[in-house]
Each structure stands twice: as C-alpha cells, then as structure tokens.
Amino acid sequence: MTAVDGFDITVVAVLVAISALLVAGEVAIGRVSRSRVDELRRDGSRRATALVKLLDNRARYVNVLLLAQLATTAVALVIATIVALDVVPASRPWAVVLAAGVMTFVSFVVLGVAPRTLGRQHAEPIALAFAAPARVLGVILGPVANALILLGNMLTPGKGYREGPFATQAELRELVDLAEADDVIEDDERQMIHSVFELGDTIAREVMVPRMDMIVIEGTKTLRQAISLGLRSGYSRIPVIGENFDDIVGIVYLKDITRRTYEHHEAESAERVESLMRPPYFVPDSKNADELLREMQAARVHLAIVVDEYGGTAGLVTIEDILEEIVGEITDEYDVAAPEVEALADGNYRVHARMHVEDFAELVGIHLDSDEEGVDTVGGLLAKRLGRVPLPGSTVAVGGFQLTAERAEGRRNRIGTVLVSAVEPSEAASDEAD
C-alpha cells in the first residue's frame, strides 16, 4: 500500500465520520420535541433560539442534511473503489466487490445503526449542536435539494410531496408502530393515533348519518309531538324540515322544548316547533372531518347538516360521529350490540343491516358487487330494491333469498337487523317478475 492509498483511506474515514454525524443530526432534528426546545429558549439558551427557527421549517433542513449525507457517502464510495483497484490491481471485478462489501458494512453499521440510535437516544443535545451547521447547509444546499425534489416529483407517478417524502406523516406512523412493538404504547393507543392521522383524509360524507336514516320533524308540528318523537327516537336534537327533506329550516333541541313546556304548560299544544328551532349549520359533503370538527367546536354546534354538490340534503353529522372515527364506536343506553351474523335453528340467518353486501353474498353463496349495486350494506341493498326507506316487515327477494327488515333500534332508530331466508325458485321468479 502506497502513501497515496493511506491518504485516500484517511479521506474515506473522514467522509464516513462526517456522513455519520449528518445522519445523527438528521434523525435528531426530525425527532426533537418542539415544546422542549421552546422551554429551553425561554430559559435563555441561544442554541435553542436557533433551533426553534430551524424547526419552523423542519422538512427543509432534514432534506438538506440527507442530501449532504448522501453526497459525502457517494464520494467516500468512489474513493474506496479507487483504493481497492490499487490494492487488488490484478482483478478489477474483485476490487469492486471488495469496495462494495466494505462500504455496505460501513453504511449499515457506521452510517445506519450507530448514528440513528444516537440521534434517537440523544435527540435534544444533537439537534442543538446541529442548529447552526444545518442553517449554513440550508443556505448552501437548500436550492439544490428543492430542485432535486421537484425533479423527483416529476419522475414519480402520481402526486409527489412538495417538501419531499423524508419528513412526512409516514415517518410518524412508523414511529408509532415501533413504539407499540417496543411496548411503549398499547395497541389500542396505536390504533387511536393512526385514526387521528386518517381523520385528515376522511370527508364528511364518510362519517355522516345518511339521509335515509335521518329522523326529522315538520316545523308545523306541536311541541308535544316533538317531545314524543324525541323520546321515541332517543334524539335530543332533531332537524326541522319545511316542504321536504331538502328544505332543512332549523334544528330543534329537546332541552329547549322541555324548558318551554315546563314554564308554560299550554305551549305543548299551542306552539309549533318552528317557534323554538335554532338556525341549521350546513357543511359540504366533501369537507375534511378534522377541519369540520374544529369548525363545529369553534361554532359550538353539535349537529351539522351535510349537503351534496347539488345543494340537496345528503345527511347529518354530529361531533360524536367524528369522534367515533378516532376512539371507535361510542355506545349508550340506546345502542344494542348485536353480532354481524347469527345462524338460526331453521337454517336461516339474521344479519346486521350494516354488514357489507359482498360479505353477505359470500355468506349465502350468491354474486353481489357493491359497485354494481351502488350500495355498501345489506340495509342499503334492502332500501334500493324497495325503492324507499325500509320499515319493519319490509321484504325483498335477492338471488333466491328473502330479506326481511326487522325492528328499528339504536340511537338512530334505523333498521338494525335483517332476516335472511331461502325461498323456492318459483317464488323467487315470481318476485322478480313482479
């Protein structure tokens, strides 16, 4: 080995060390807590002040550090290959294999495991140390990183990430999964955190109570009739309609009616619902659920009317409906838990109205496609075949089976279960002919 080779190996070692530091800095900056840094800044730490400015655009500096790390690693690999060709001059392929093997080991251990572990274990001090160097690199390499991200997005099918894919929600999701795998958090906590992320991709149409399941009251009904409907349905807030379902004119609160009738008993039959209704809160069916939750909290409303693109009533959504997307089903004394499928002694089935139509088709051995039918649930299939809202006792024939709507249940007072029984071929044919 010549003196030149020794110098080259030293350069490779220095480049690898710099690359390892950049990896540790990248991980630390991506992981450090903003609230903790704010606390250090309030205590008078100058480095914390610099780090806070960096965290205002965290993705930019993560991208810059990653670019610098990849560049130093690439240069180290090239120099290592040149050294290997000098050490093993008789066989160029073996020299390349030697260089690749050594650098793979170095990349995995020295640039992968060690600095990332340090970056996670000591995120705060490493991030503080890298605040100033990262800002300098941001000035030098920031435009280059942005240009490369733009080029990468142009070459990538679909919509890319404007700030790059390296400091995105996906990394947070992975951290949550790792925390659950290491028993730092429980599985239900992991699922809840994932649900919070997914809430931003959920729209009002996906969480609303559909139009067919809404309980409404005409504005001309008496307060006594409204009390009766509220007690029977289990609702404390009921939409008030004018001419039809698409004419939502207000929301009546059972609490308001109770107070009015308590103070003036004659109001039960003398006054109309429209005299006590509150203004309705309308939202488009395409509004994101997380944004809708914030708006409803700010407006202090618990129920919103969802309208479709034509201005018609698509359904309604409550704060509880949105929260259920995060914490799961919220049940109360009006909710009755039932199995999705119950096999009966006579060979028939009782299925939940919310059972997916394709799961139902697999259960009874027939072909049904949710896209072709235009509905997702057995209850929706029942309503479509009937051409109206199903009432208890309504029946339709589907693929040689008779579907019978059973009693309404739950807070939303909708058909809860459907009785499925096989019918004779002649009966099914006559039903289809009708």
Protein backbone atom coordinates (compact mmCIF):
# COMPACT_ATOMS: atom_id res chain seq x y z
CA MET A 1 0.00 0.00 0.00
CA THR A 2 1.42 3.39 -1.02
CA ALA A 3 1.35 6.67 0.85
CA VAL A 4 -1.32 7.84 -1.61
CA ASP A 5 -3.52 4.89 -0.66
CA GLY A 6 -3.04 5.70 3.01
CA PHE A 7 -4.09 9.29 2.40
CA ASP A 8 -7.16 8.13 0.41
CA ILE A 9 -8.20 5.77 3.21
CA THR A 10 -7.91 8.63 5.68
CA VAL A 11 -10.13 10.78 3.44
CA VAL A 12 -12.68 7.94 3.25
CA ALA A 13 -12.67 7.61 7.05
CA VAL A 14 -13.17 11.36 7.48
CA LEU A 15 -16.02 11.38 4.93
CA VAL A 16 -17.68 8.42 6.65
CA ALA A 17 -17.40 10.19 10.01
CA ILE A 18 -18.94 13.36 8.56
CA SER A 19 -21.71 11.31 6.95
CA ALA A 20 -22.42 9.59 10.28
CA LEU A 21 -22.68 12.96 12.02
CA LEU A 22 -25.07 14.18 9.32
CA VAL A 23 -27.25 11.09 9.81
CA ALA A 24 -27.37 11.65 13.55
CA GLY A 25 -28.24 15.31 13.01
CA GLU A 26 -30.97 14.46 10.50
CA VAL A 27 -32.59 11.95 12.87
CA ALA A 28 -32.29 14.26 15.88
CA ILE A 29 -33.81 17.27 14.10
CA GLY A 30 -36.64 15.14 12.79
CA ARG A 31 -37.35 13.73 16.26
CA VAL A 32 -36.68 16.55 18.74
CA SER A 33 -39.68 17.91 20.63
CA ARG A 34 -40.71 21.45 19.70
CA SER A 35 -42.21 22.09 23.13
CA ARG A 36 -38.96 21.08 24.85
CA VAL A 37 -36.94 23.39 22.60
CA ASP A 38 -39.36 26.26 23.35
CA GLU A 39 -38.80 25.62 27.04
CA LEU A 40 -35.02 25.79 26.61
CA ARG A 41 -35.36 29.01 24.63
CA ARG A 42 -37.38 30.58 27.43
CA ASP A 43 -34.54 29.59 29.78
CA GLY A 44 -32.18 31.70 27.67
CA SER A 45 -30.41 29.07 25.52
CA ARG A 46 -29.01 30.70 22.36
CA ARG A 47 -28.72 27.40 20.53
CA ALA A 48 -32.37 26.69 21.35
CA THR A 49 -33.32 30.03 19.77
CA ALA A 50 -31.51 29.00 16.59
CA LEU A 51 -33.09 25.55 16.70
CA VAL A 52 -36.60 26.98 17.02
CA LYS A 53 -36.09 28.91 13.77
CA LEU A 54 -34.89 25.70 12.15
CA LEU A 55 -37.90 23.73 13.40
CA ASP A 56 -40.23 26.27 11.79
CA ASN A 57 -39.19 24.64 8.51
CA ARG A 58 -38.10 21.23 9.75
CA ALA A 59 -38.63 19.40 6.45
CA ARG A 60 -36.28 21.74 4.56
CA TYR A 61 -33.35 21.06 6.87
CA VAL A 62 -33.98 17.32 7.06
CA ASN A 63 -33.82 17.26 3.25
CA VAL A 64 -30.61 19.31 3.21
CA LEU A 65 -28.87 17.09 5.78
CA LEU A 66 -29.95 14.00 3.88
CA LEU A 67 -28.57 15.43 0.62
CA ALA A 68 -25.24 16.29 2.28
CA GLN A 69 -25.04 12.82 3.85
CA LEU A 70 -25.73 11.08 0.52
CA ALA A 71 -23.14 13.25 -1.24
CA THR A 72 -20.38 12.50 1.29
CA THR A 73 -21.22 8.79 1.24
CA ALA A 74 -21.10 8.72 -2.57
CA VAL A 75 -17.67 10.44 -2.61
CA ALA A 76 -16.39 8.02 0.04
CA LEU A 77 -17.60 5.07 -2.04
CA VAL A 78 -15.84 6.35 -5.16
CA ILE A 79 -12.55 6.89 -3.32
CA ALA A 80 -12.84 3.47 -1.64
CA THR A 81 -13.28 1.87 -5.06
CA ILE A 82 -10.17 3.63 -6.36
CA VAL A 83 -8.19 2.40 -3.35
CA ALA A 84 -9.47 -1.15 -3.88
CA LEU A 85 -8.36 -1.07 -7.52
CA ASP A 86 -4.85 -0.11 -6.36
CA VAL A 87 -4.78 -2.79 -3.64
CA VAL A 88 -6.04 -5.55 -5.95
CA PRO A 89 -4.70 -4.48 -9.35
CA ALA A 90 -4.79 -7.99 -10.82
CA SER A 91 -8.57 -8.35 -10.69
CA ARG A 92 -10.82 -5.33 -11.25
CA PRO A 93 -14.09 -7.26 -10.53
CA TRP A 94 -12.77 -8.47 -7.18
CA ALA A 95 -11.62 -4.96 -6.36
CA VAL A 96 -15.13 -3.62 -7.00
CA VAL A 97 -16.64 -6.44 -4.91
CA LEU A 98 -14.22 -5.64 -2.07
CA ALA A 99 -15.07 -1.93 -2.15
CA ALA A 100 -18.82 -2.65 -2.31
CA GLY A 101 -18.62 -5.14 0.56
CA VAL A 102 -16.65 -2.83 2.85
CA MET A 103 -18.87 0.19 2.11
CA THR A 104 -22.05 -1.85 2.57
CA PHE A 105 -20.85 -2.89 6.02
CA VAL A 106 -19.83 0.68 6.84
CA SER A 107 -23.14 2.08 5.53
CA PHE A 108 -25.23 -0.32 7.57
CA VAL A 109 -23.30 -0.20 10.85
CA VAL A 110 -21.47 3.12 10.91
CA LEU A 111 -23.98 5.17 8.88
CA GLY A 112 -27.15 3.28 9.69
CA VAL A 113 -27.42 1.69 13.12
CA ALA A 114 -24.99 3.72 15.23
CA PRO A 115 -25.84 7.34 14.27
CA ARG A 116 -29.58 6.72 14.08
CA THR A 117 -29.55 5.14 17.51
CA LEU A 118 -27.62 8.10 18.91
CA GLY A 119 -29.93 10.54 17.10
CA ARG A 120 -32.98 8.98 18.71
CA GLN A 121 -31.49 8.48 22.17
CA HIS A 122 -29.96 11.97 22.38
CA ALA A 123 -32.16 13.97 20.03
CA GLU A 124 -32.13 17.15 22.09
CA PRO A 125 -28.35 17.77 22.53
CA ILE A 126 -27.52 16.61 18.98
CA ALA A 127 -30.24 18.81 17.46
CA LEU A 128 -28.98 21.80 19.47
CA ALA A 129 -25.43 21.13 18.27
CA PHE A 130 -26.57 20.89 14.64
CA ALA A 131 -28.76 24.01 14.67
CA ALA A 132 -26.08 26.38 13.34
CA PRO A 133 -24.39 23.95 10.85
CA ALA A 134 -27.79 22.91 9.48
CA ARG A 135 -28.76 26.53 8.83
CA VAL A 136 -25.47 27.10 6.95
CA LEU A 137 -26.03 23.97 4.87
CA GLY A 138 -29.59 25.13 4.26
CA VAL A 139 -28.32 28.31 2.63
CA ILE A 140 -25.77 26.44 0.51
CA LEU A 141 -27.66 23.27 -0.44
CA GLY A 142 -31.30 24.34 0.05
CA PRO A 143 -31.88 25.37 -3.59
CA VAL A 144 -30.19 22.18 -4.83
CA ALA A 145 -32.36 19.99 -2.57
CA ASN A 146 -35.53 21.78 -3.70
CA ALA A 147 -34.58 21.37 -7.36
CA LEU A 148 -33.87 17.64 -6.88
CA ILE A 149 -37.17 17.14 -5.03
CA LEU A 150 -39.00 18.89 -7.88
CA LEU A 151 -37.24 16.65 -10.41
CA GLY A 152 -38.05 13.55 -8.35
CA ASN A 153 -41.73 14.51 -8.16
CA MET A 154 -41.79 14.96 -11.95
CA LEU A 155 -40.38 11.46 -12.45
CA THR A 156 -42.63 9.85 -9.83
CA PRO A 157 -46.10 8.63 -10.89
CA GLY A 158 -48.90 10.39 -9.04
CA LYS A 159 -48.75 13.44 -6.84
CA GLY A 160 -45.45 13.98 -5.06
CA TYR A 161 -44.59 15.82 -1.85
CA ARG A 162 -43.67 19.49 -2.26
CA GLU A 163 -41.27 19.33 0.69
CA GLY A 164 -40.02 15.84 -0.09
CA PRO A 165 -41.02 12.46 1.33
CA PHE A 166 -38.34 12.30 4.02
CA ALA A 167 -40.08 14.19 6.85
CA THR A 168 -43.70 13.29 6.34
CA GLN A 169 -46.57 11.77 8.24
CA ALA A 170 -45.45 8.33 7.10
CA GLU A 171 -42.38 8.55 9.37
CA LEU A 172 -44.58 9.48 12.32
CA ARG A 173 -46.77 6.46 11.61
CA GLU A 174 -43.70 4.23 11.57
CA LEU A 175 -42.54 5.67 14.89
CA VAL A 176 -45.96 4.90 16.38
CA ASP A 177 -45.73 1.31 15.12
CA LEU A 178 -42.24 0.96 16.57
CA ALA A 179 -43.41 2.37 19.90
CA GLU A 180 -46.18 -0.23 20.03
CA ALA A 181 -43.76 -3.02 19.06
CA ASP A 182 -41.42 -1.96 21.90
CA ASP A 183 -44.37 -1.94 24.37
CA VAL A 184 -44.05 1.82 24.86
CA ILE A 185 -47.73 2.24 23.97
CA GLU A 186 -50.64 -0.20 23.82
CA ASP A 187 -52.17 -1.48 20.58
CA ASP A 188 -55.41 0.45 21.10
CA GLU A 189 -53.38 3.63 21.63
CA ARG A 190 -51.51 2.96 18.38
CA GLN A 191 -54.78 2.49 16.53
CA MET A 192 -56.16 5.72 18.00
CA ILE A 193 -53.09 7.70 16.89
CA HIS A 194 -53.38 6.25 13.38
CA SER A 195 -57.06 7.22 13.38
CA VAL A 196 -56.09 10.83 14.14
CA PHE A 197 -53.81 10.83 11.07
CA GLU A 198 -56.52 9.26 8.92
CA LEU A 199 -59.08 11.84 10.06
CA GLY A 200 -57.44 14.37 7.74
CA ASP A 201 -58.16 12.07 4.78
CA THR A 202 -61.76 11.43 5.85
CA ILE A 203 -64.57 13.57 4.48
CA ALA A 204 -67.95 14.39 5.95
CA ARG A 205 -69.77 12.05 3.55
CA GLU A 206 -67.91 9.07 5.04
CA VAL A 207 -68.90 9.74 8.66
CA MET A 208 -72.39 11.24 8.27
CA VAL A 209 -75.72 9.66 9.12
CA PRO A 210 -77.16 9.14 5.62
CA ARG A 211 -80.33 10.89 4.54
CA MET A 212 -82.36 7.67 4.64
CA ASP A 213 -81.52 7.23 8.36
CA MET A 214 -82.31 10.78 9.45
CA ILE A 215 -85.13 11.47 11.89
CA VAL A 216 -86.76 14.83 11.09
CA ILE A 217 -89.85 16.77 12.10
CA GLU A 218 -92.02 19.29 10.26
CA GLY A 219 -91.93 22.84 11.55
CA THR A 220 -95.74 22.86 11.86
CA LYS A 221 -95.82 20.05 14.43
CA THR A 222 -96.68 20.88 18.02
CA LEU A 223 -94.17 20.86 20.83
CA ARG A 224 -95.91 17.81 22.31
CA GLN A 225 -95.39 15.90 19.07
CA ALA A 226 -91.72 16.92 19.07
CA ILE A 227 -91.30 15.66 22.65
CA SER A 228 -92.92 12.37 21.68
CA LEU A 229 -90.61 11.97 18.66
CA GLY A 230 -87.54 12.80 20.74
CA LEU A 231 -88.44 10.27 23.42
CA ARG A 232 -89.21 7.52 20.89
CA SER A 233 -86.09 8.09 18.79
CA GLY A 234 -83.66 8.83 21.62
CA TYR A 235 -82.52 12.07 19.94
CA SER A 236 -82.12 15.36 21.75
CA ARG A 237 -81.54 17.38 18.54
CA ILE A 238 -83.83 16.93 15.54
CA PRO A 239 -83.66 18.66 12.14
CA VAL A 240 -86.76 20.64 11.20
CA ILE A 241 -87.95 20.48 7.58
CA GLY A 242 -90.17 22.75 5.55
CA GLU A 243 -91.59 21.45 2.29
CA ASN A 244 -89.37 18.35 2.01
CA PHE A 245 -86.13 16.68 3.09
CA ASP A 246 -84.05 19.12 1.04
CA ASP A 247 -85.61 22.06 2.89
CA ILE A 248 -83.93 21.95 6.30
CA VAL A 249 -85.06 25.13 8.04
CA GLY A 250 -83.69 24.60 11.54
CA ILE A 251 -82.72 22.31 14.41
CA VAL A 252 -84.98 21.84 17.43
CA TYR A 253 -83.45 20.94 20.79
CA LEU A 254 -85.40 18.74 23.17
CA LYS A 255 -83.92 20.77 26.04
CA ASP A 256 -85.43 23.98 24.64
CA ILE A 257 -88.84 22.34 24.26
CA THR A 258 -88.72 20.88 27.78
CA ARG A 259 -87.84 24.25 29.30
CA ARG A 260 -90.62 25.99 27.35
CA THR A 261 -93.31 23.47 28.26
CA TYR A 262 -92.18 23.39 31.89
CA GLU A 263 -92.56 27.15 32.18
CA HIS A 264 -95.74 27.35 30.05
CA HIS A 265 -97.74 24.10 30.10
CA GLU A 266 -100.20 25.35 27.48
CA ALA A 267 -97.34 25.65 24.98
CA GLU A 268 -97.37 21.85 24.46
CA SER A 269 -100.34 22.10 22.12
CA ALA A 270 -100.46 25.83 21.39
CA GLU A 271 -96.96 26.39 20.00
CA ARG A 272 -95.25 24.94 16.94
CA VAL A 273 -91.76 23.52 16.56
CA GLU A 274 -90.72 26.34 14.24
CA SER A 275 -91.11 28.82 17.11
CA LEU A 276 -88.23 27.21 19.06
CA MET A 277 -85.93 25.91 16.32
CA ARG A 278 -82.36 27.15 16.04
CA PRO A 279 -80.56 28.03 12.77
CA PRO A 280 -79.13 24.98 10.98
CA TYR A 281 -75.40 24.62 10.34
CA PHE A 282 -74.67 23.45 6.78
CA VAL A 283 -71.44 21.84 5.54
CA PRO A 284 -70.50 20.36 2.15
CA ASP A 285 -70.15 16.59 1.96
CA SER A 286 -66.56 16.99 0.73
CA LYS A 287 -65.29 18.83 3.84
CA ASN A 288 -62.45 17.10 5.71
CA ALA A 289 -63.55 15.62 9.02
CA ASP A 290 -60.71 17.15 11.05
CA GLU A 291 -61.48 20.62 9.70
CA LEU A 292 -65.18 20.09 10.33
CA LEU A 293 -64.50 19.08 13.94
CA ARG A 294 -62.56 22.29 14.56
CA GLU A 295 -65.31 24.40 12.96
CA MET A 296 -68.04 22.75 14.99
CA GLN A 297 -66.05 23.27 18.18
CA ALA A 298 -65.50 26.93 17.32
CA ALA A 299 -69.17 27.47 16.40
CA ARG A 300 -70.31 25.49 19.48
CA VAL A 301 -72.69 23.32 17.48
CA HIS A 302 -73.07 19.57 17.90
CA LEU A 303 -75.01 18.79 14.73
CA ALA A 304 -74.44 19.87 11.12
CA ILE A 305 -76.50 19.23 8.01
CA VAL A 306 -74.42 17.75 5.17
CA VAL A 307 -75.36 18.92 1.67
CA ASP A 308 -74.30 17.39 -1.64
CA GLU A 309 -72.95 19.15 -4.71
CA TYR A 310 -76.49 19.98 -5.88
CA GLY A 311 -77.49 21.58 -2.60
CA GLY A 312 -79.69 18.68 -1.51
CA THR A 313 -79.60 17.10 1.93
CA ALA A 314 -77.10 14.23 1.95
CA GLY A 315 -77.28 13.50 5.68
CA LEU A 316 -76.23 14.90 9.03
CA VAL A 317 -73.08 14.66 11.11
CA THR A 318 -72.53 15.13 14.82
CA ILE A 319 -69.38 15.67 16.84
CA GLU A 320 -69.91 12.15 18.19
CA ASP A 321 -69.80 10.72 14.65
CA ILE A 322 -66.40 12.36 14.07
CA LEU A 323 -65.01 11.30 17.44
CA GLU A 324 -66.06 7.71 16.74
CA GLU A 325 -63.60 7.75 13.82
CA ILE A 326 -60.84 8.22 16.42
CA VAL A 327 -61.92 6.30 19.50
CA GLY A 328 -64.24 3.72 17.93
CA GLU A 329 -67.94 3.17 18.45
CA ILE A 330 -69.44 5.15 21.33
CA THR A 331 -72.42 3.34 22.79
CA ASP A 332 -75.04 4.41 25.26
CA GLU A 333 -78.29 3.03 26.67
CA TYR A 334 -79.92 3.28 23.25
CA ASP A 335 -77.27 1.20 21.48
CA VAL A 336 -77.73 -2.55 21.43
CA ALA A 337 -74.73 -4.62 20.41
CA ALA A 338 -75.56 -7.44 18.03
CA PRO A 339 -73.40 -9.98 16.17
CA GLU A 340 -72.95 -9.32 12.46
CA VAL A 341 -74.23 -12.81 11.59
CA GLU A 342 -76.46 -15.06 13.66
CA ALA A 343 -77.25 -18.56 12.38
CA LEU A 344 -80.82 -19.57 13.27
CA ALA A 345 -82.08 -23.06 14.06
CA ASP A 346 -84.17 -23.29 10.86
CA GLY A 347 -81.15 -22.73 8.62
CA ASN A 348 -81.85 -19.04 8.10
CA TYR A 349 -79.66 -16.09 9.13
CA ARG A 350 -80.09 -12.85 10.98
CA VAL A 351 -77.52 -10.35 9.71
CA HIS A 352 -76.68 -6.82 10.79
CA ALA A 353 -78.03 -4.14 8.46
CA ARG A 354 -74.52 -2.64 8.28
CA MET A 355 -72.98 -5.89 7.01
CA HIS A 356 -71.13 -5.34 3.72
CA VAL A 357 -73.07 -6.66 0.71
CA GLU A 358 -70.07 -8.64 -0.57
CA ASP A 359 -69.62 -10.32 2.82
CA PHE A 360 -73.33 -11.13 2.75
CA ALA A 361 -73.02 -12.54 -0.77
CA GLU A 362 -70.13 -14.77 0.35
CA LEU A 363 -72.17 -15.93 3.34
CA VAL A 364 -75.18 -17.11 1.30
CA GLY A 365 -73.25 -18.11 -1.84
CA ILE A 366 -74.56 -15.60 -4.39
CA HIS A 367 -72.90 -12.93 -6.54
CA LEU A 368 -73.28 -9.30 -5.49
CA ASP A 369 -70.96 -6.45 -6.34
CA SER A 370 -71.14 -3.27 -4.26
CA ASP A 371 -70.04 -1.12 -7.22
CA GLU A 372 -72.70 -2.59 -9.49
CA GLU A 373 -75.39 -2.28 -6.83
CA GLY A 374 -74.32 1.22 -5.84
CA VAL A 375 -74.63 0.39 -2.12
CA ASP A 376 -72.26 -0.99 0.51
CA THR A 377 -74.50 -2.52 3.16
CA VAL A 378 -77.34 -5.02 3.41
CA GLY A 379 -79.58 -2.22 4.71
CA GLY A 380 -78.70 -0.11 1.70
CA LEU A 381 -79.42 -3.05 -0.62
CA LEU A 382 -82.80 -3.50 1.04
CA ALA A 383 -83.64 0.18 0.57
CA LYS A 384 -82.52 0.17 -3.07
CA ARG A 385 -84.59 -2.87 -4.01
CA LEU A 386 -87.60 -1.45 -2.17
CA GLY A 387 -87.18 2.00 -3.67
CA ARG A 388 -87.91 3.62 -0.30
CA VAL A 389 -86.82 3.68 3.33
CA PRO A 390 -87.33 0.18 4.74
CA LEU A 391 -89.79 -0.24 7.58
CA PRO A 392 -90.00 -3.23 9.93
CA GLY A 393 -91.56 -6.11 7.97
CA SER A 394 -90.47 -4.88 4.51
CA THR A 395 -89.27 -7.76 2.31
CA VAL A 396 -87.40 -8.14 -0.99
CA ALA A 397 -86.04 -11.13 -2.90
CA VAL A 398 -82.32 -11.16 -3.72
CA GLY A 399 -80.66 -14.05 -5.51
CA GLY A 400 -83.03 -16.71 -4.23
CA PHE A 401 -83.18 -15.33 -0.69
CA GLN A 402 -85.80 -13.25 1.02
CA LEU A 403 -84.58 -10.28 3.05
CA THR A 404 -86.96 -9.09 5.77
CA ALA A 405 -86.31 -5.89 7.70
CA GLU A 406 -86.68 -6.40 11.44
CA ARG A 407 -87.40 -3.82 14.13
CA ALA A 408 -85.63 -0.46 14.28
CA GLU A 409 -83.14 0.02 17.08
CA GLY A 410 -80.34 2.22 18.41
CA ARG A 411 -79.97 5.93 18.86
CA ARG A 412 -80.56 6.49 15.14
CA ASN A 413 -83.74 4.43 15.12
CA ARG A 414 -82.85 2.61 11.91
CA ILE A 415 -83.28 -0.98 10.81
CA GLY A 416 -80.77 -2.89 12.90
CA THR A 417 -81.03 -6.45 11.61
CA VAL A 418 -82.30 -8.23 8.51
CA LEU A 419 -83.74 -11.76 8.47
CA VAL A 420 -82.40 -13.83 5.55
CA SER A 421 -84.35 -16.90 4.48
CA ALA A 422 -84.13 -19.10 1.39
CA VAL A 423 -87.12 -19.06 -0.99
CA GLU A 424 -88.27 -21.58 -3.55
CA PRO A 425 -87.08 -20.92 -7.13
CA SER A 426 -90.67 -20.47 -8.27
CA GLU A 427 -91.28 -17.84 -5.60
CA ALA A 428 -88.07 -16.00 -6.45
CA ALA A 429 -89.00 -15.99 -10.12
CA SER A 430 -92.46 -14.63 -9.39
CA ASP A 431 -91.00 -11.93 -7.16
CA GLU A 432 -88.59 -10.88 -9.91
CA ALA A 433 -91.43 -10.86 -12.42
CA ASP A 434 -93.44 -8.59 -10.14
